Amino acid sequence: MAHTGTIRTGIGGWTFAPWRGTFYPKGVRQKDELHYASRQLATIEINGTYYGTQKPETFAKWAKDVPEGFVFSVKGNRFVTNRRVLTEGEESMERFLGSGITELGDHLGPLLWQFAPTKKFDPDDFGAFLSMLPQSRDGIALKHAVEVRHESFSSPEFVELASRHGAAIVYAEHLKYPEIADVTAPFVYARLQKGQDDIPTAYPAEALDLWGQRARRWAEGGTPDGLSYADPDRSAEVTARDVFVYFIHEGKVRAPQAALALQERCAT
């Protein structure tokens, strides 16, 4: 069997009232929800860091609460990315990186940098931002993923720039924003945002089957068919890649069930 990367499926955050009784069994205390969720799923995207600064002891507590092999992704602070000139966010980036994220240790996965829908692609501006991203912190290697939400990023030049810096372009399945599936890093980061609360698994079975196939294809180093590529003529290196797939935004009530269903498909 060919070597493949690890596929992790997960959710955004773990504190959400509608999950109590639908995902969290009755009797699970709120303070124990991370402990429970991290034993059902292999990854969680921390979103609170986008809005405010956490403390080192908070990250350390989270790290102690999850099992071996569990990985957090951490959303970069909005004061870094919500800039007309991105290099002006360097001080905010240092504040975020120094807030204690490395306390997660082996549980630290990709850092997610999300940009406003109004932020347009400027090669010089975005290239300077990517150059600011450190490759390590406190002896821990860092992985970076960028989620862009303006159509101007759907260009081969952006793909080449991200690839040169080893940053993953987030594949964001969304009703409004561009979907860019080009593989540009040693890992793949997908955010699936078209779920529905009235479907028990947020996505219908046939859609989850398809995403399972796509996730396995990514993990094997390939590029799935049927997705939108900004540079369809480019061929990414065929090499095993870790894959992170999060169910976010729409269909959030059933996001844990979607992640579990996809996790089961990827394990077979």
Protein backbone atom coordinates (compact mmCIF):
# COMPACT_ATOMS: atom_id res chain seq x y z
CA MET A 1 0.00 0.00 0.00
CA ALA A 2 1.36 3.44 -0.93
CA HIS A 3 2.30 5.73 1.94
CA THR A 4 -0.31 8.37 2.71
CA GLY A 5 -0.55 11.31 5.05
CA THR A 6 -2.81 11.47 8.08
CA ILE A 7 -6.37 12.67 7.52
CA ARG A 8 -7.93 14.57 10.41
CA THR A 9 -11.52 15.77 10.40
CA GLY A 10 -12.89 18.23 12.92
CA ILE A 11 -14.93 21.24 13.92
CA GLY A 12 -14.49 24.90 14.82
CA GLY A 13 -14.27 25.34 18.58
CA TRP A 14 -15.87 23.07 21.14
CA THR A 15 -18.14 25.38 23.18
CA PHE A 16 -21.48 25.64 21.40
CA ALA A 17 -24.75 25.30 23.29
CA PRO A 18 -26.71 23.39 20.57
CA TRP A 19 -24.09 20.61 20.72
CA ARG A 20 -25.17 19.80 24.28
CA GLY A 21 -27.49 16.87 23.92
CA THR A 22 -26.80 16.44 20.19
CA PHE A 23 -23.03 15.81 20.30
CA TYR A 24 -22.18 16.01 23.99
CA PRO A 25 -24.05 13.36 25.98
CA LYS A 26 -26.20 14.43 28.86
CA GLY A 27 -24.10 14.80 31.96
CA VAL A 28 -20.92 16.02 30.27
CA ARG A 29 -19.96 19.19 32.12
CA GLN A 30 -19.08 22.26 30.09
CA LYS A 31 -15.54 22.27 31.49
CA ASP A 32 -15.14 18.69 30.23
CA GLU A 33 -16.33 19.33 26.67
CA LEU A 34 -12.84 19.65 25.18
CA HIS A 35 -11.84 16.42 26.90
CA TYR A 36 -14.84 14.67 25.34
CA ALA A 37 -14.61 16.24 21.87
CA SER A 38 -10.89 15.53 21.52
CA ARG A 39 -11.54 11.84 22.10
CA GLN A 40 -14.15 11.71 19.36
CA LEU A 41 -12.37 13.80 16.74
CA ALA A 42 -8.71 14.19 15.72
CA THR A 43 -8.60 17.97 15.36
CA ILE A 44 -10.34 21.20 16.36
CA GLU A 45 -9.88 24.67 14.91
CA ILE A 46 -9.46 27.29 17.64
CA ASN A 47 -11.38 30.35 16.47
CA GLY A 48 -11.33 32.50 19.62
CA THR A 49 -7.74 33.53 18.90
CA TYR A 50 -9.02 35.45 15.88
CA TYR A 51 -10.95 37.84 18.11
CA GLY A 52 -8.76 38.12 21.21
CA THR A 53 -5.45 37.20 22.78
CA GLN A 54 -5.25 34.07 24.92
CA LYS A 55 -2.79 33.42 27.73
CA PRO A 56 0.06 30.88 27.75
CA GLU A 57 -1.52 29.04 30.68
CA THR A 58 -4.74 28.67 28.65
CA PHE A 59 -2.92 26.98 25.77
CA ALA A 60 -1.04 24.78 28.26
CA LYS A 61 -4.33 23.74 29.87
CA TRP A 62 -5.82 22.84 26.50
CA ALA A 63 -2.75 20.78 25.63
CA LYS A 64 -3.07 18.78 28.85
CA ASP A 65 -6.75 18.12 28.18
CA VAL A 66 -6.35 16.31 24.83
CA PRO A 67 -4.96 12.86 23.99
CA GLU A 68 -1.77 11.97 22.16
CA GLY A 69 -2.09 12.52 18.41
CA PHE A 70 -4.77 15.20 18.71
CA VAL A 71 -3.98 18.42 16.83
CA PHE A 72 -5.32 21.96 17.13
CA SER A 73 -5.23 24.44 14.31
CA VAL A 74 -5.09 28.03 15.54
CA LYS A 75 -6.70 30.98 13.79
CA GLY A 76 -4.41 34.01 13.59
CA ASN A 77 -5.57 37.24 15.16
CA ARG A 78 -7.66 39.54 12.95
CA PHE A 79 -5.42 42.53 13.72
CA VAL A 80 -2.74 40.79 11.67
CA THR A 81 -4.76 40.22 8.50
CA ASN A 82 -7.31 43.04 8.50
CA ARG A 83 -4.83 45.56 7.09
CA ARG A 84 -4.67 47.64 3.92
CA VAL A 85 -0.90 47.12 3.99
CA LEU A 86 -0.23 43.69 5.44
CA THR A 87 3.29 44.38 6.66
CA GLU A 88 1.82 46.93 9.05
CA GLY A 89 0.50 43.96 11.03
CA GLU A 90 3.97 42.70 11.95
CA GLU A 91 3.71 43.88 15.56
CA SER A 92 0.28 42.24 15.91
CA MET A 93 1.69 39.05 14.45
CA GLU A 94 4.49 39.00 16.99
CA ARG A 95 1.97 39.57 19.77
CA PHE A 96 -0.12 36.63 18.52
CA LEU A 97 2.86 34.31 18.07
CA GLY A 98 4.12 35.25 21.52
CA SER A 99 0.77 34.71 23.24
CA GLY A 100 1.58 31.11 24.12
CA ILE A 101 0.59 29.06 21.06
CA THR A 102 3.74 26.96 21.41
CA GLU A 103 2.48 25.78 24.79
CA LEU A 104 0.38 23.40 22.68
CA GLY A 105 3.62 21.57 21.84
CA ASP A 106 3.01 18.46 19.72
CA HIS A 107 -0.68 19.38 19.60
CA LEU A 108 0.00 22.53 17.55
CA GLY A 109 -1.08 22.14 13.95
CA PRO A 110 -1.49 24.74 11.18
CA LEU A 111 -1.91 28.45 11.83
CA LEU A 112 -4.88 29.75 9.84
CA TRP A 113 -4.66 33.29 8.47
CA GLN A 114 -8.07 34.46 7.24
CA PHE A 115 -8.50 37.57 5.12
CA ALA A 116 -11.51 39.83 4.68
CA PRO A 117 -13.69 39.38 1.57
CA THR A 118 -12.71 42.92 0.57
CA LYS A 119 -8.97 42.17 0.61
CA LYS A 120 -7.76 42.00 -3.00
CA PHE A 121 -4.69 40.22 -4.28
CA ASP A 122 -1.64 42.44 -4.58
CA PRO A 123 1.46 40.33 -5.33
CA ASP A 124 3.90 42.66 -3.58
CA ASP A 125 1.70 43.16 -0.53
CA PHE A 126 0.81 39.49 -0.14
CA GLY A 127 4.33 38.33 -0.90
CA ALA A 128 5.62 40.58 1.87
CA PHE A 129 3.07 39.06 4.25
CA LEU A 130 4.12 35.52 3.40
CA SER A 131 7.73 36.50 3.96
CA MET A 132 6.81 37.61 7.50
CA LEU A 133 5.53 34.17 8.44
CA PRO A 134 8.15 32.40 10.58
CA GLN A 135 9.05 28.79 9.95
CA SER A 136 9.47 28.02 13.64
CA ARG A 137 8.86 29.40 17.10
CA ASP A 138 10.45 28.24 20.35
CA GLY A 139 11.91 25.26 18.52
CA ILE A 140 8.53 24.16 17.12
CA ALA A 141 8.03 24.06 13.35
CA LEU A 142 5.11 26.17 12.15
CA LYS A 143 2.73 25.43 9.30
CA HIS A 144 0.74 28.26 7.71
CA ALA A 145 -2.56 28.23 5.81
CA VAL A 146 -4.14 31.28 4.17
CA GLU A 147 -7.85 31.65 3.56
CA VAL A 148 -8.49 34.34 0.96
CA ARG A 149 -11.99 35.42 0.07
CA HIS A 150 -11.73 37.78 -2.91
CA GLU A 151 -12.00 36.56 -6.50
CA SER A 152 -8.77 38.35 -7.48
CA PHE A 153 -6.81 35.60 -5.70
CA SER A 154 -7.99 33.06 -8.27
CA SER A 155 -4.82 33.50 -10.30
CA PRO A 156 -1.75 31.40 -11.13
CA GLU A 157 0.44 34.16 -9.70
CA PHE A 158 -1.10 33.73 -6.25
CA VAL A 159 -0.70 29.95 -6.45
CA GLU A 160 2.98 30.30 -7.37
CA LEU A 161 3.55 32.79 -4.55
CA ALA A 162 1.92 30.56 -1.92
CA SER A 163 3.84 27.55 -3.21
CA ARG A 164 7.15 29.40 -3.07
CA HIS A 165 6.57 30.15 0.62
CA GLY A 166 5.19 26.71 1.47
CA ALA A 167 1.86 28.14 2.63
CA ALA A 168 -1.31 26.14 2.07
CA ILE A 169 -4.16 27.83 0.26
CA VAL A 170 -7.27 26.92 2.21
CA TYR A 171 -9.82 25.11 0.09
CA ALA A 172 -12.96 26.87 1.32
CA GLU A 173 -16.21 25.39 0.09
CA HIS A 174 -18.48 28.39 0.47
CA LEU A 175 -21.63 29.84 -1.07
CA LYS A 176 -20.06 33.26 -1.75
CA TYR A 177 -16.27 33.07 -1.80
CA PRO A 178 -13.94 31.65 -4.45
CA GLU A 179 -12.93 28.02 -4.13
CA ILE A 180 -9.21 27.48 -4.79
CA ALA A 181 -8.10 23.85 -4.57
CA ASP A 182 -4.49 24.26 -5.76
CA VAL A 183 -2.08 22.34 -3.49
CA THR A 184 0.83 24.56 -2.44
CA ALA A 185 2.18 23.10 0.83
CA PRO A 186 3.20 19.81 2.47
CA PHE A 187 -0.32 19.63 3.93
CA VAL A 188 -3.89 20.36 2.81
CA TYR A 189 -6.39 22.49 4.73
CA ALA A 190 -10.10 22.42 3.81
CA ARG A 191 -13.04 24.24 5.38
CA LEU A 192 -16.40 22.83 4.29
CA GLN A 193 -19.08 25.47 4.81
CA LYS A 194 -22.17 24.29 2.95
CA GLY A 195 -23.69 22.03 5.56
CA GLN A 196 -27.36 22.05 6.59
CA ASP A 197 -28.76 21.70 10.09
CA ASP A 198 -31.74 19.68 8.87
CA ILE A 199 -29.46 16.87 7.63
CA PRO A 200 -28.34 14.59 10.50
CA THR A 201 -24.75 14.63 9.22
CA ALA A 202 -24.84 18.22 7.83
CA TYR A 203 -23.94 16.87 4.39
CA PRO A 204 -25.83 14.05 2.61
CA ALA A 205 -24.17 10.63 2.49
CA GLU A 206 -23.19 10.88 -1.17
CA ALA A 207 -21.44 14.21 -0.57
CA LEU A 208 -19.53 12.76 2.39
CA ASP A 209 -18.56 9.77 0.25
CA LEU A 210 -17.13 12.17 -2.32
CA TRP A 211 -15.25 14.19 0.29
CA GLY A 212 -13.83 10.98 1.68
CA GLN A 213 -12.48 10.15 -1.78
CA ARG A 214 -11.04 13.64 -2.14
CA ALA A 215 -9.40 13.58 1.29
CA ARG A 216 -7.75 10.24 0.52
CA ARG A 217 -6.55 11.58 -2.82
CA TRP A 218 -4.97 14.59 -1.10
CA ALA A 219 -3.36 12.34 1.50
CA GLU A 220 -1.81 10.21 -1.25
CA GLY A 221 -0.33 13.35 -2.83
CA GLY A 222 -2.78 13.75 -5.67
CA THR A 223 -5.19 16.49 -6.74
CA PRO A 224 -8.88 15.55 -6.76
CA ASP A 225 -11.00 15.98 -9.86
CA GLY A 226 -14.09 18.15 -9.85
CA LEU A 227 -12.66 21.05 -7.82
CA SER A 228 -11.86 24.60 -8.90
CA TYR A 229 -8.16 25.32 -9.55
CA ALA A 230 -6.69 28.79 -10.06
CA ASP A 231 -3.86 27.26 -12.11
CA PRO A 232 -5.28 24.07 -13.64
CA ASP A 233 -2.16 23.54 -15.78
CA ARG A 234 0.14 23.33 -12.75
CA SER A 235 1.09 19.94 -11.30
CA ALA A 236 1.83 19.73 -7.58
CA GLU A 237 4.54 17.33 -6.42
CA VAL A 238 3.09 13.89 -5.76
CA THR A 239 3.98 13.23 -2.13
CA ALA A 240 2.06 12.10 0.94
CA ARG A 241 0.37 14.99 2.72
CA ASP A 242 -1.44 15.39 6.02
CA VAL A 243 -5.00 16.58 5.48
CA PHE A 244 -7.14 18.74 7.77
CA VAL A 245 -10.85 18.98 7.00
CA TYR A 246 -13.12 21.15 9.15
CA PHE A 247 -16.90 21.51 9.07
CA ILE A 248 -17.56 25.17 9.74
CA HIS A 249 -20.20 27.90 9.44
CA GLU A 250 -23.45 26.63 7.90
CA GLY A 251 -24.80 23.41 9.35
CA LYS A 252 -22.84 24.01 12.53
CA VAL A 253 -25.34 22.21 14.74
CA ARG A 254 -24.55 18.99 12.88
CA ALA A 255 -20.86 19.75 12.22
CA PRO A 256 -19.59 17.18 14.76
CA GLN A 257 -21.70 14.47 13.15
CA ALA A 258 -20.34 15.47 9.73
CA ALA A 259 -16.76 15.29 11.00
CA LEU A 260 -17.41 11.89 12.57
CA ALA A 261 -19.04 10.58 9.41
CA LEU A 262 -16.15 11.73 7.24
CA GLN A 263 -13.64 10.41 9.76
CA GLU A 264 -15.25 6.98 9.46
CA ARG A 265 -15.10 7.11 5.66
CA CYS A 266 -11.43 8.08 5.68
CA ALA A 267 -10.53 5.25 8.03
CA THR A 268 -11.74 2.59 5.60
